[in-house]
N, C-alpha and C. Protein backbone atom coordinates (compact mmCIF):
# COMPACT_ATOMS: atom_id res chain seq x y z
N MET A 1 0.89 -1.40 -0.22
CA MET A 1 -0.03 0.42 0.31
C MET A 1 1.16 1.45 0.25
N ARG A 2 2.02 1.28 1.22
CA ARG A 2 2.64 2.33 1.29
C ARG A 2 3.33 2.83 -0.33
N ALA A 3 3.70 1.70 -1.17
CA ALA A 3 5.18 1.22 -2.61
C ALA A 3 3.95 2.40 -2.92
N LEU A 4 2.24 1.76 -3.44
CA LEU A 4 1.51 1.92 -4.71
C LEU A 4 1.55 3.98 -4.11
N PHE A 5 1.10 4.58 -3.59
CA PHE A 5 0.86 5.65 -2.13
C PHE A 5 2.03 6.14 -2.89
N THR A 6 3.37 5.76 -2.57
CA THR A 6 4.34 6.68 -2.80
C THR A 6 4.42 6.78 -4.98
N VAL A 7 4.63 5.45 -5.25
CA VAL A 7 4.69 5.61 -6.53
C VAL A 7 4.09 6.62 -7.50
N ILE A 8 2.46 6.50 -6.93
CA ILE A 8 1.77 7.90 -7.89
C ILE A 8 1.88 9.07 -7.68
N PHE A 9 2.43 9.58 -6.55
CA PHE A 9 2.83 10.80 -6.51
C PHE A 9 4.29 11.54 -7.22
N LEU A 10 5.14 9.72 -6.34
CA LEU A 10 5.83 10.30 -7.88
C LEU A 10 5.56 11.00 -9.20
N LEU A 11 5.07 9.94 -9.54
CA LEU A 11 4.91 10.10 -11.07
C LEU A 11 4.48 11.40 -11.51
N ILE A 12 3.62 11.40 -10.33
CA ILE A 12 2.63 13.01 -10.91
C ILE A 12 3.75 14.34 -11.11
N PHE A 13 4.34 14.18 -9.68
CA PHE A 13 5.10 15.09 -10.24
C PHE A 13 7.04 15.30 -11.08
N ILE A 14 6.76 13.77 -11.83
CA ILE A 14 7.86 13.70 -12.28
C ILE A 14 7.42 14.30 -13.36
N ILE A 15 5.73 13.65 -13.75
CA ILE A 15 5.17 13.90 -15.58
C ILE A 15 5.06 15.74 -15.66
N THR A 16 4.00 15.86 -14.27
CA THR A 16 3.71 17.77 -14.83
C THR A 16 4.56 18.82 -15.37
N PRO A 17 5.49 18.76 -14.47
CA PRO A 17 6.91 19.78 -14.99
C PRO A 17 6.85 19.92 -16.15
N PHE A 18 6.99 18.48 -17.32
CA PHE A 18 7.09 18.41 -18.54
C PHE A 18 5.85 18.96 -19.09
N CYS A 19 4.57 18.30 -18.85
CA CYS A 19 3.54 18.25 -19.68
C CYS A 19 3.00 20.40 -19.54
N VAL A 20 3.29 20.99 -18.10
CA VAL A 20 2.90 22.33 -18.10
C VAL A 20 3.99 23.10 -19.24
N ILE A 21 5.40 22.59 -18.55
CA ILE A 21 6.64 23.39 -19.41
C ILE A 21 6.36 23.91 -20.99
N GLY A 22 5.71 22.04 -21.15
CA GLY A 22 5.56 22.29 -22.54
C GLY A 22 4.49 22.76 -23.48
N GLN A 23 3.67 23.50 -22.25
CA GLN A 23 2.72 24.43 -22.98
C GLN A 23 2.73 25.73 -23.13
N ASP A 24 4.01 26.65 -22.77
CA ASP A 24 4.48 27.57 -22.08
C ASP A 24 4.23 28.23 -23.38
N SER A 25 3.67 29.62 -23.81
CA SER A 25 3.03 30.11 -24.91
C SER A 25 4.09 31.53 -24.84
N ILE A 26 5.32 31.73 -23.82
CA ILE A 26 6.05 33.28 -24.52
C ILE A 26 6.49 33.35 -25.03
N LYS A 27 6.59 34.33 -25.83
CA LYS A 27 7.94 34.18 -26.82
C LYS A 27 9.15 35.47 -26.29
N ALA A 28 8.68 35.98 -25.68
CA ALA A 28 9.67 37.47 -24.91
C ALA A 28 10.18 36.28 -23.93
N LYS A 29 11.35 36.99 -23.39
CA LYS A 29 12.16 36.45 -22.26
C LYS A 29 11.13 36.36 -20.93
N LYS A 30 11.14 35.17 -20.67
CA LYS A 30 10.08 34.60 -19.05
C LYS A 30 11.47 34.78 -17.75
N ILE A 31 10.26 35.65 -17.09
CA ILE A 31 10.61 35.55 -15.60
C ILE A 31 10.96 34.18 -14.82
N ASN A 32 11.77 34.39 -14.09
CA ASN A 32 12.36 33.79 -12.90
C ASN A 32 12.43 33.68 -11.93
N GLU A 33 11.58 33.22 -10.97
CA GLU A 33 12.01 33.63 -9.16
C GLU A 33 12.43 32.29 -8.59
N TYR A 34 13.44 33.20 -7.73
CA TYR A 34 13.67 31.74 -6.76
C TYR A 34 13.24 32.01 -4.75
N PHE A 35 12.76 31.51 -4.46
CA PHE A 35 11.65 31.99 -3.53
C PHE A 35 12.22 31.05 -1.99
N PHE A 36 12.77 31.56 -1.03
CA PHE A 36 13.04 31.38 0.00
C PHE A 36 12.75 31.68 1.71
N ALA A 37 11.65 30.35 2.20
CA ALA A 37 11.26 31.01 3.07
C ALA A 37 11.44 29.82 4.24
N LEU A 38 11.38 30.76 5.85
CA LEU A 38 11.06 30.06 7.08
C LEU A 38 9.90 29.60 7.07
N GLU A 39 9.50 28.47 7.29
CA GLU A 39 8.37 27.86 7.64
C GLU A 39 7.73 27.56 8.90
N ASP A 40 8.67 27.43 10.06
CA ASP A 40 8.58 27.32 11.20
C ASP A 40 9.70 27.57 12.17
N ILE A 41 9.45 27.93 13.08
CA ILE A 41 10.99 27.77 14.13
C ILE A 41 11.19 26.71 15.53
N SER A 42 9.98 25.96 15.50
CA SER A 42 10.69 24.95 16.16
C SER A 42 9.49 23.91 15.66
N PRO A 43 10.73 22.90 15.18
CA PRO A 43 11.81 22.43 14.79
C PRO A 43 11.75 23.84 13.62
N VAL A 44 12.67 24.32 13.46
CA VAL A 44 13.18 24.92 12.14
C VAL A 44 12.99 24.01 10.96
N ASN A 45 12.16 25.08 10.08
CA ASN A 45 11.71 24.00 8.87
C ASN A 45 11.69 25.16 7.82
N ILE A 46 12.53 25.09 6.54
CA ILE A 46 12.85 25.81 5.58
C ILE A 46 12.07 25.22 4.25
N SER A 47 11.61 26.22 3.03
CA SER A 47 11.88 25.92 2.10
C SER A 47 12.45 26.49 0.90
N ILE A 48 12.21 25.77 -0.48
CA ILE A 48 13.31 26.87 -1.92
C ILE A 48 12.17 26.14 -2.83
N LYS A 49 11.80 27.52 -3.14
CA LYS A 49 10.66 26.89 -4.66
C LYS A 49 11.05 28.03 -5.96
N PHE A 50 11.22 27.15 -6.95
CA PHE A 50 11.22 27.53 -8.39
C PHE A 50 10.49 28.25 -8.97
N LYS A 51 9.92 29.50 -9.70
CA LYS A 51 9.09 29.64 -10.42
C LYS A 51 9.02 30.15 -11.41
N HIS A 52 8.55 29.65 -12.52
CA HIS A 52 9.12 29.64 -13.93
C HIS A 52 7.49 30.27 -14.59
N GLN A 53 7.87 31.81 -15.40
CA GLN A 53 6.49 32.28 -16.05
C GLN A 53 6.18 31.70 -17.00
N LEU A 54 4.83 30.95 -17.05
CA LEU A 54 4.24 30.86 -18.48
C LEU A 54 3.56 31.37 -19.20
N LYS A 55 2.42 32.32 -18.23
CA LYS A 55 1.82 33.37 -19.44
C LYS A 55 2.00 34.30 -18.86
N LYS A 56 1.51 35.51 -19.23
CA LYS A 56 1.05 37.44 -18.34
C LYS A 56 1.00 36.60 -17.09
N ASN A 57 0.20 36.81 -15.92
CA ASN A 57 -0.03 36.13 -15.14
C ASN A 57 -0.15 34.83 -14.43
N THR A 58 0.73 33.73 -15.32
CA THR A 58 0.68 32.29 -14.92
C THR A 58 1.87 32.10 -14.42
N PHE A 59 2.06 31.65 -13.72
CA PHE A 59 3.48 30.32 -13.46
C PHE A 59 3.35 29.38 -12.92
N TYR A 60 4.30 28.96 -12.97
CA TYR A 60 4.65 26.95 -13.12
C TYR A 60 5.53 27.19 -11.64
N LYS A 61 5.22 26.27 -10.53
CA LYS A 61 6.70 26.44 -9.51
C LYS A 61 7.07 24.97 -9.20
N ILE A 62 8.00 24.70 -8.19
CA ILE A 62 8.43 23.19 -8.03
C ILE A 62 9.55 23.66 -6.78
N GLY A 63 9.30 23.21 -6.10
CA GLY A 63 10.42 23.54 -5.01
C GLY A 63 10.50 22.53 -3.70
N LEU A 64 11.45 21.85 -2.90
CA LEU A 64 11.64 21.72 -1.78
C LEU A 64 11.00 22.54 -0.94
N VAL A 65 9.98 21.50 0.12
CA VAL A 65 9.67 22.00 1.21
C VAL A 65 9.58 21.15 2.60
N ASN A 66 9.54 21.71 3.76
CA ASN A 66 9.43 21.29 5.13
C ASN A 66 10.45 20.35 5.30
N ILE A 67 11.77 21.45 4.69
CA ILE A 67 13.04 20.71 5.29
C ILE A 67 13.51 20.79 6.71
N ALA A 68 13.57 20.03 7.49
CA ALA A 68 13.96 19.86 8.71
C ALA A 68 14.69 19.31 9.18
N VAL A 69 15.73 19.56 9.48
CA VAL A 69 16.68 18.22 10.57
C VAL A 69 17.13 18.95 12.33
N GLY A 70 16.38 17.86 13.55
CA GLY A 70 16.64 18.27 14.49
C GLY A 70 17.16 17.09 15.83
N SER A 71 17.15 17.34 16.46
CA SER A 71 17.74 16.73 17.70
C SER A 71 18.41 17.47 19.11
N ASN A 72 17.77 16.36 19.76
CA ASN A 72 17.85 16.62 21.30
C ASN A 72 18.13 15.72 21.98
N THR A 73 18.66 15.63 23.47
CA THR A 73 18.97 14.57 24.45
C THR A 73 18.09 15.08 25.18
N ASN A 74 17.66 13.97 26.08
CA ASN A 74 17.13 13.63 27.76
C ASN A 74 17.84 13.39 29.08
N ILE A 75 18.50 13.99 29.74
CA ILE A 75 19.59 13.08 30.37
C ILE A 75 19.07 13.22 31.70
N PRO A 76 18.65 12.31 32.48
CA PRO A 76 17.42 12.07 33.66
C PRO A 76 18.44 12.50 34.48
N VAL A 77 18.04 13.32 35.81
CA VAL A 77 18.19 13.49 37.05
C VAL A 77 18.60 12.33 38.07
N ARG A 78 18.32 11.06 37.99
CA ARG A 78 18.39 10.06 38.52
C ARG A 78 19.21 9.22 38.20
N SER A 79 20.52 8.71 38.90
CA SER A 79 21.36 8.02 38.22
C SER A 79 21.37 6.70 37.94
N ASN A 80 19.86 6.13 38.13
CA ASN A 80 19.47 4.60 37.77
C ASN A 80 18.92 4.59 36.15
N SER A 81 18.93 5.86 35.62
CA SER A 81 18.28 5.97 34.25
C SER A 81 19.50 6.68 33.84
N PHE A 82 18.69 6.28 32.07
CA PHE A 82 19.90 6.36 30.96
C PHE A 82 19.06 7.08 30.06
N ALA A 83 20.40 7.92 29.16
CA ALA A 83 19.82 8.97 28.44
C ALA A 83 19.07 8.70 26.96
N ILE A 84 18.11 9.16 26.58
CA ILE A 84 17.58 9.18 25.29
C ILE A 84 18.10 10.41 24.40
N HIS A 85 18.49 9.60 23.49
CA HIS A 85 18.33 10.91 22.34
C HIS A 85 17.16 10.52 20.98
N ASN A 86 16.65 12.18 21.01
CA ASN A 86 16.10 12.33 19.91
C ASN A 86 16.11 12.65 18.35
N TYR A 87 16.06 12.47 17.58
CA TYR A 87 16.03 13.38 16.10
C TYR A 87 15.26 12.71 15.00
N ASN A 88 14.94 14.29 14.32
CA ASN A 88 13.75 13.92 13.53
C ASN A 88 14.74 14.28 12.29
N TYR A 89 13.72 14.71 10.96
CA TYR A 89 14.08 15.02 9.49
C TYR A 89 12.90 14.78 9.05
N SER A 90 13.02 15.95 7.91
CA SER A 90 11.41 15.87 7.28
C SER A 90 12.01 16.53 6.02
N LEU A 91 11.46 16.38 5.01
CA LEU A 91 11.56 16.59 3.40
C LEU A 91 10.49 16.30 2.92
N GLY A 92 10.00 17.24 2.32
CA GLY A 92 8.77 17.12 1.30
C GLY A 92 9.18 18.11 -0.66
N PHE A 93 8.41 17.68 -1.36
CA PHE A 93 8.11 17.87 -2.86
C PHE A 93 6.83 18.76 -2.68
N GLN A 94 7.06 19.78 -3.43
CA GLN A 94 5.81 20.49 -4.00
C GLN A 94 5.92 20.94 -5.60
N ASN A 95 4.62 21.08 -6.36
CA ASN A 95 4.25 21.28 -7.17
C ASN A 95 3.25 22.00 -7.93
N GLY A 96 3.14 23.18 -8.47
CA GLY A 96 1.35 24.22 -8.59
C GLY A 96 1.76 24.93 -9.80
N ILE A 97 0.36 24.83 -9.71
CA ILE A 97 0.42 26.52 -10.60
C ILE A 97 -0.52 27.92 -10.03
N GLU A 98 0.33 28.83 -10.50
CA GLU A 98 0.27 30.08 -9.32
C GLU A 98 -0.74 30.91 -10.34
N PHE A 99 -1.74 31.93 -10.15
CA PHE A 99 -2.44 32.99 -10.82
C PHE A 99 -2.43 34.19 -10.03
N ARG A 100 -1.80 35.39 -10.78
CA ARG A 100 -1.52 36.19 -10.08
C ARG A 100 -2.54 37.67 -10.77
N LYS A 101 -2.49 38.42 -9.45
CA LYS A 101 -3.29 39.58 -10.27
C LYS A 101 -2.78 41.19 -9.48
N LYS A 102 -2.59 41.93 -10.46
CA LYS A 102 -1.39 43.17 -10.03
C LYS A 102 -2.82 44.05 -9.31
N ILE A 103 -2.85 44.64 -8.59
CA ILE A 103 -3.70 45.21 -7.15
C ILE A 103 -3.13 46.49 -7.11
N SER A 104 -1.89 46.53 -7.23
CA SER A 104 -1.81 48.23 -7.43
C SER A 104 -0.23 48.02 -7.73
N GLU A 105 0.47 49.26 -7.71
CA GLU A 105 2.14 49.23 -8.52
C GLU A 105 3.02 48.38 -8.01
N LYS A 106 2.71 48.38 -6.66
CA LYS A 106 3.71 47.46 -5.57
C LYS A 106 3.29 46.15 -5.93
N PHE A 107 2.04 45.97 -5.47
CA PHE A 107 1.51 44.60 -4.58
C PHE A 107 0.42 43.75 -5.93
N SER A 108 0.72 42.22 -5.25
CA SER A 108 -0.20 41.69 -6.28
C SER A 108 -0.45 40.59 -5.51
N PHE A 109 -1.79 39.70 -5.72
CA PHE A 109 -2.59 39.21 -5.59
C PHE A 109 -2.16 37.80 -6.28
N PHE A 110 -2.14 36.37 -5.59
CA PHE A 110 -1.74 35.13 -6.08
C PHE A 110 -2.43 34.06 -5.98
N HIS A 111 -2.59 33.57 -6.40
CA HIS A 111 -3.53 32.01 -5.66
C HIS A 111 -3.13 30.76 -7.08
N GLY A 112 -3.66 29.13 -6.28
CA GLY A 112 -3.44 28.34 -7.62
C GLY A 112 -3.34 26.85 -6.77
N PRO A 113 -3.33 25.83 -7.50
CA PRO A 113 -3.66 24.58 -6.30
C PRO A 113 -2.09 23.79 -6.44
N ASN A 114 -2.05 23.21 -5.88
CA ASN A 114 -0.46 22.39 -5.49
C ASN A 114 -0.85 20.60 -5.60
N LEU A 115 0.64 19.88 -5.67
CA LEU A 115 0.56 19.09 -5.53
C LEU A 115 1.66 18.70 -4.72
N SER A 116 1.82 18.34 -3.20
CA SER A 116 2.53 18.06 -2.49
C SER A 116 3.02 16.40 -1.98
N PHE A 117 4.34 16.31 -1.49
CA PHE A 117 4.17 14.61 -0.75
C PHE A 117 5.56 15.65 0.28
N THR A 118 5.33 14.64 1.42
CA THR A 118 6.68 14.90 2.73
C THR A 118 6.26 13.44 3.43
N TYR A 119 8.22 13.59 3.65
CA TYR A 119 8.06 12.22 4.55
C TYR A 119 8.88 12.28 5.98
N ARG A 120 8.34 12.35 6.90
CA ARG A 120 9.12 12.55 8.26
C ARG A 120 9.15 11.71 8.90
N VAL A 121 10.67 11.21 9.50
CA VAL A 121 10.80 10.68 10.22
C VAL A 121 11.49 11.36 11.69
N ASN A 122 11.04 10.40 12.82
CA ASN A 122 11.21 10.51 14.71
C ASN A 122 12.24 9.23 15.20
N ILE A 123 13.11 9.31 15.83
CA ILE A 123 13.87 7.92 16.22
C ILE A 123 13.69 8.16 17.32
N ALA A 124 14.06 7.78 18.57
CA ALA A 124 14.24 7.79 19.55
C ALA A 124 14.97 6.30 20.04
N LYS A 125 16.21 7.07 20.76
CA LYS A 125 17.67 5.95 20.96
C LYS A 125 17.82 5.65 22.75
N THR A 126 17.54 4.92 23.09
CA THR A 126 18.39 4.55 24.59
C THR A 126 19.76 4.24 24.54
N GLU A 127 20.33 5.05 25.95
CA GLU A 127 21.33 4.11 26.34
C GLU A 127 21.54 3.07 26.99
N ASN A 128 20.65 2.72 27.14
CA ASN A 128 20.37 1.47 28.71
C ASN A 128 21.54 0.30 27.41
N PRO A 129 22.45 0.00 28.35
CA PRO A 129 23.21 -1.27 27.83
C PRO A 129 22.57 -2.72 28.15
N ALA A 130 21.59 -2.32 28.87
CA ALA A 130 20.87 -4.16 29.79
C ALA A 130 19.62 -4.50 28.09
N ILE A 131 19.71 -3.37 27.45
CA ILE A 131 18.97 -3.70 25.98
C ILE A 131 19.57 -3.55 25.19
N PRO A 132 19.47 -4.60 24.43
CA PRO A 132 20.08 -5.10 23.05
C PRO A 132 20.39 -4.45 21.79
N ALA A 133 21.65 -3.99 21.61
CA ALA A 133 21.07 -2.71 20.39
C ALA A 133 20.27 -2.70 19.67
N ASN A 134 19.83 -4.29 18.74
CA ASN A 134 18.88 -4.03 17.39
C ASN A 134 17.66 -3.29 18.38
N GLN A 135 17.05 -3.16 19.63
CA GLN A 135 16.27 -3.08 20.13
C GLN A 135 16.00 -1.30 20.69
N ARG A 136 17.30 -0.87 20.85
CA ARG A 136 17.40 0.62 21.62
C ARG A 136 16.40 1.54 20.60
N GLN A 137 16.01 1.30 19.64
CA GLN A 137 15.70 2.07 18.83
C GLN A 137 13.60 2.33 18.69
N ASN A 138 13.08 3.75 19.09
CA ASN A 138 11.78 3.27 18.71
C ASN A 138 11.60 4.43 17.42
N ILE A 139 10.76 4.19 15.89
CA ILE A 139 10.98 4.80 15.08
C ILE A 139 9.43 5.03 13.78
N SER A 140 9.60 6.40 13.85
CA SER A 140 8.26 7.08 13.88
C SER A 140 8.09 7.28 12.29
N GLN A 141 7.56 7.00 11.59
CA GLN A 141 7.78 7.23 10.26
C GLN A 141 6.02 7.75 9.56
N SER A 142 6.30 8.97 8.93
CA SER A 142 5.02 9.57 8.36
C SER A 142 5.14 9.89 6.66
N TYR A 143 3.99 9.21 5.84
CA TYR A 143 4.40 9.50 4.65
C TYR A 143 3.03 10.61 4.58
N ILE A 144 3.32 11.66 4.02
CA ILE A 144 2.25 12.91 3.50
C ILE A 144 1.53 13.16 2.06
N SER A 145 0.79 12.93 2.34
CA SER A 145 0.33 13.29 0.33
C SER A 145 -1.02 14.10 0.49
N GLY A 146 -0.18 15.08 -0.03
CA GLY A 146 -1.29 16.51 0.01
C GLY A 146 -1.48 17.62 -1.47
N LEU A 147 -2.94 18.00 -1.00
CA LEU A 147 -3.62 19.21 -1.95
C LEU A 147 -3.64 20.44 -1.28
N PRO A 148 -2.31 21.26 -1.15
CA PRO A 148 -2.25 22.71 -0.74
C PRO A 148 -2.70 23.46 -1.67
N TYR A 149 -3.84 24.86 -1.44
CA TYR A 149 -4.06 25.60 -2.15
C TYR A 149 -3.73 26.70 -1.51
N THR A 150 -2.74 27.75 -2.33
CA THR A 150 -2.62 29.06 -2.20
C THR A 150 -3.18 30.52 -2.32
N LEU A 151 -3.28 31.12 -1.28
CA LEU A 151 -3.61 32.01 -1.17
C LEU A 151 -2.36 33.10 -0.56
N GLY A 152 -2.23 34.16 -1.15
CA GLY A 152 -1.02 34.75 -0.86
C GLY A 152 -1.38 36.33 -1.62
N LEU A 153 -0.36 37.46 -0.69
CA LEU A 153 0.08 38.79 -1.69
C LEU A 153 1.50 38.40 -1.58
N LEU A 154 1.74 39.55 -2.85
CA LEU A 154 3.27 39.26 -3.27
C LEU A 154 3.71 41.06 -3.62
N PHE A 155 4.91 41.57 -2.38
CA PHE A 155 4.96 42.40 -2.42
C PHE A 155 6.40 42.61 -3.66
N GLN A 156 6.50 44.00 -4.85
CA GLN A 156 7.52 44.06 -5.24
C GLN A 156 8.58 44.94 -5.07
N PHE A 157 9.89 44.47 -4.34
CA PHE A 157 10.80 45.83 -3.70
C PHE A 157 11.58 46.47 -4.61
N ASN A 158 11.61 45.48 -5.78
CA ASN A 158 12.42 46.52 -6.82
C ASN A 158 12.26 45.14 -7.96
N ASN A 159 13.11 45.32 -9.29
CA ASN A 159 12.80 44.62 -9.66
C ASN A 159 13.56 43.19 -9.88
N HIS A 160 14.07 43.65 -8.45
CA HIS A 160 14.85 42.15 -8.70
C HIS A 160 14.66 41.83 -7.12
N LEU A 161 13.93 42.10 -6.77
CA LEU A 161 14.12 41.37 -4.53
C LEU A 161 12.26 42.02 -4.66
N LEU A 162 12.05 40.64 -3.96
CA LEU A 162 10.50 40.69 -3.35
C LEU A 162 10.36 40.05 -2.15
N PHE A 163 8.96 40.29 -2.08
CA PHE A 163 8.15 39.53 -0.37
C PHE A 163 7.57 38.63 -0.53
N SER A 164 6.83 37.84 0.06
CA SER A 164 5.49 37.09 -0.14
C SER A 164 5.22 36.56 0.92
N ALA A 165 3.74 37.02 1.78
CA ALA A 165 3.24 36.68 2.16
C ALA A 165 1.99 35.55 1.91
N GLU A 166 1.93 34.12 2.69
CA GLU A 166 1.19 33.21 2.20
C GLU A 166 0.23 31.87 2.97
N ILE A 167 -0.87 31.52 2.76
CA ILE A 167 -1.52 30.94 3.74
C ILE A 167 -1.59 29.75 2.68
N ASN A 168 -1.83 28.48 2.85
CA ASN A 168 -2.37 26.98 2.41
C ASN A 168 -3.00 25.86 3.01
N PRO A 169 -4.35 26.21 3.10
CA PRO A 169 -5.00 25.15 3.44
C PRO A 169 -5.24 24.00 2.30
N GLU A 170 -5.23 23.04 3.59
CA GLU A 170 -4.48 21.46 2.30
C GLU A 170 -4.97 20.82 2.95
N LEU A 171 -6.01 19.53 1.90
CA LEU A 171 -6.31 18.42 1.96
C LEU A 171 -5.55 17.25 1.96
N SER A 172 -5.25 16.32 2.85
CA SER A 172 -4.38 15.60 3.02
C SER A 172 -4.39 13.93 3.74
N VAL A 173 -3.79 13.28 2.99
CA VAL A 173 -3.90 12.21 3.18
C VAL A 173 -2.53 11.54 3.94
N THR A 174 -2.02 10.93 5.34
CA THR A 174 -0.95 10.56 5.95
C THR A 174 -1.09 9.05 6.29
N TYR A 175 0.22 8.07 6.08
CA TYR A 175 0.27 7.24 6.38
C TYR A 175 1.48 6.57 7.12
N ASN A 176 1.11 6.51 8.53
CA ASN A 176 1.75 6.32 9.46
C ASN A 176 1.88 4.95 9.80
N LYS A 177 3.52 5.14 10.23
CA LYS A 177 4.17 3.63 10.81
C LYS A 177 5.20 3.99 11.74
N ALA A 178 4.59 3.06 12.85
CA ALA A 178 5.44 2.88 14.18
C ALA A 178 5.84 1.74 14.58
N ARG A 179 7.50 1.40 14.75
CA ARG A 179 8.28 0.64 14.72
C ARG A 179 8.65 0.47 16.33
N TYR A 180 8.39 -0.47 17.63
CA TYR A 180 9.33 -0.01 19.03
C TYR A 180 10.02 -1.64 18.66
N GLY A 181 11.27 -0.89 18.97
CA GLY A 181 12.56 -2.17 19.42
C GLY A 181 12.12 -2.55 20.25
N GLN A 182 11.82 -2.33 21.64
CA GLN A 182 11.65 -3.17 22.80
C GLN A 182 10.40 -4.16 22.95
N ASN A 183 9.39 -3.34 22.29
CA ASN A 183 7.64 -4.05 22.30
C ASN A 183 6.75 -3.97 20.69
N PRO A 184 7.93 -5.13 19.60
CA PRO A 184 6.89 -4.52 19.16
C PRO A 184 5.57 -5.12 19.20
N ASN A 185 5.02 -5.65 19.84
CA ASN A 185 3.47 -5.93 19.77
C ASN A 185 2.74 -4.06 19.51
N PHE A 186 3.54 -3.39 20.31
CA PHE A 186 2.86 -1.83 20.10
C PHE A 186 2.78 -1.26 18.24
N ASN A 187 4.36 -2.19 17.55
CA ASN A 187 3.66 -1.91 16.29
C ASN A 187 2.85 -1.43 15.56
N SER A 188 2.94 -0.67 14.47
CA SER A 188 1.80 0.10 14.10
C SER A 188 1.63 0.73 12.93
N GLU A 189 0.07 -0.12 12.10
CA GLU A 189 0.59 1.68 10.88
C GLU A 189 -1.18 1.93 10.84
N ASN A 190 -1.49 3.10 9.63
CA ASN A 190 -2.84 3.34 9.94
C ASN A 190 -2.65 4.60 8.41
N ILE A 191 -3.53 5.05 8.44
CA ILE A 191 -4.14 5.62 7.68
C ILE A 191 -5.01 7.01 7.74
N SER A 192 -4.71 8.11 7.94
CA SER A 192 -5.69 9.47 7.83
C SER A 192 -5.58 10.16 7.32
N SER A 193 -6.67 10.99 7.13
CA SER A 193 -6.88 12.16 5.99
C SER A 193 -7.57 13.74 7.26
N ASN A 194 -6.89 14.55 6.64
CA ASN A 194 -6.84 16.28 7.62
C ASN A 194 -7.24 16.78 6.48
N PHE A 195 -7.64 18.09 6.42
CA PHE A 195 -8.20 19.27 5.92
C PHE A 195 -7.97 20.56 6.86
N LEU A 196 -6.49 21.03 6.70
CA LEU A 196 -6.20 21.83 7.60
C LEU A 196 -5.18 22.92 6.63
N PHE A 197 -4.40 23.57 7.86
CA PHE A 197 -3.41 24.19 7.54
C PHE A 197 -2.18 23.84 7.46
N ALA A 198 -1.52 23.58 6.21
CA ALA A 198 -0.03 23.36 5.74
C ALA A 198 1.13 23.83 6.94
N ASN A 199 1.11 25.02 6.99
CA ASN A 199 2.05 25.68 7.95
C ASN A 199 0.70 26.49 9.29
N LYS A 200 1.67 26.39 9.79
CA LYS A 200 1.55 26.75 11.67
C LYS A 200 0.49 28.18 11.59
N TYR A 201 1.57 29.38 10.78
CA TYR A 201 0.84 30.77 10.88
C TYR A 201 1.70 31.26 9.65
N GLY A 202 1.44 30.36 8.60
CA GLY A 202 1.86 30.90 6.75
C GLY A 202 2.68 31.28 7.13
N VAL A 203 2.86 31.36 5.76
CA VAL A 203 4.52 31.83 5.33
C VAL A 203 5.28 32.74 4.96
N ILE A 204 6.38 33.49 5.29
CA ILE A 204 6.69 34.63 4.69
C ILE A 204 8.28 34.12 4.19
N SER A 205 8.04 34.86 2.50
CA SER A 205 9.23 34.27 1.76
C SER A 205 9.79 35.45 1.05
N LYS A 206 11.11 35.04 1.17
CA LYS A 206 12.41 36.56 0.46
C LYS A 206 12.29 35.61 -0.95
N ALA A 207 12.37 36.58 -2.21
CA ALA A 207 12.41 36.18 -3.55
C ALA A 207 13.31 36.94 -4.28
N TYR A 208 13.67 36.45 -5.23
CA TYR A 208 14.87 37.13 -6.39
C TYR A 208 14.33 36.85 -7.47
N ARG A 209 14.32 37.57 -8.52
CA ARG A 209 13.73 37.63 -9.57
C ARG A 209 14.78 37.86 -10.38
N LEU A 210 14.83 36.82 -12.26
CA LEU A 210 15.75 37.00 -12.84
C LEU A 210 15.25 37.21 -14.31
């Protein structure tokens, strides 16, 4: 199930860019933009996106989202307990179409549908020497496929520097897999669906136009 779930979305990501860019109808030089955003601060979560102009007010975008790496160690006060190391990683891909409408000389409203796929993993590892080495880890993994719709405002500071603010309400399906080193009877797998905002507080981006 997970393999099929993953393959379908990867095929969409591979095929979509060629289909969309193949419809490019602008003869003049197209606009290319590079967006960098801090999506969350706890843990630090960033995104990098590329946008390519297709028509006057239409852009194709593709990028890496939910880029996060974190770790911490819980050191117990009691001498008969052992430290637990926690590691978490995530990486996602997103592509979509963006429509823009100029509302003033400096501001433009933009919106559009997207496809996204994110992988997340959390690992908790104990240092307890009484536990066999191959049973010291608990691993939780999530595979998230989503259909976010972007709503945002773009500010053109000058010809090459831009800033944007956006929100992304999203319909998503998540496959969760948990493995417990010492307690395999608690291993679990489940699929859930949600409708919520893809980012807790929205996204503020800095962009460069070429």
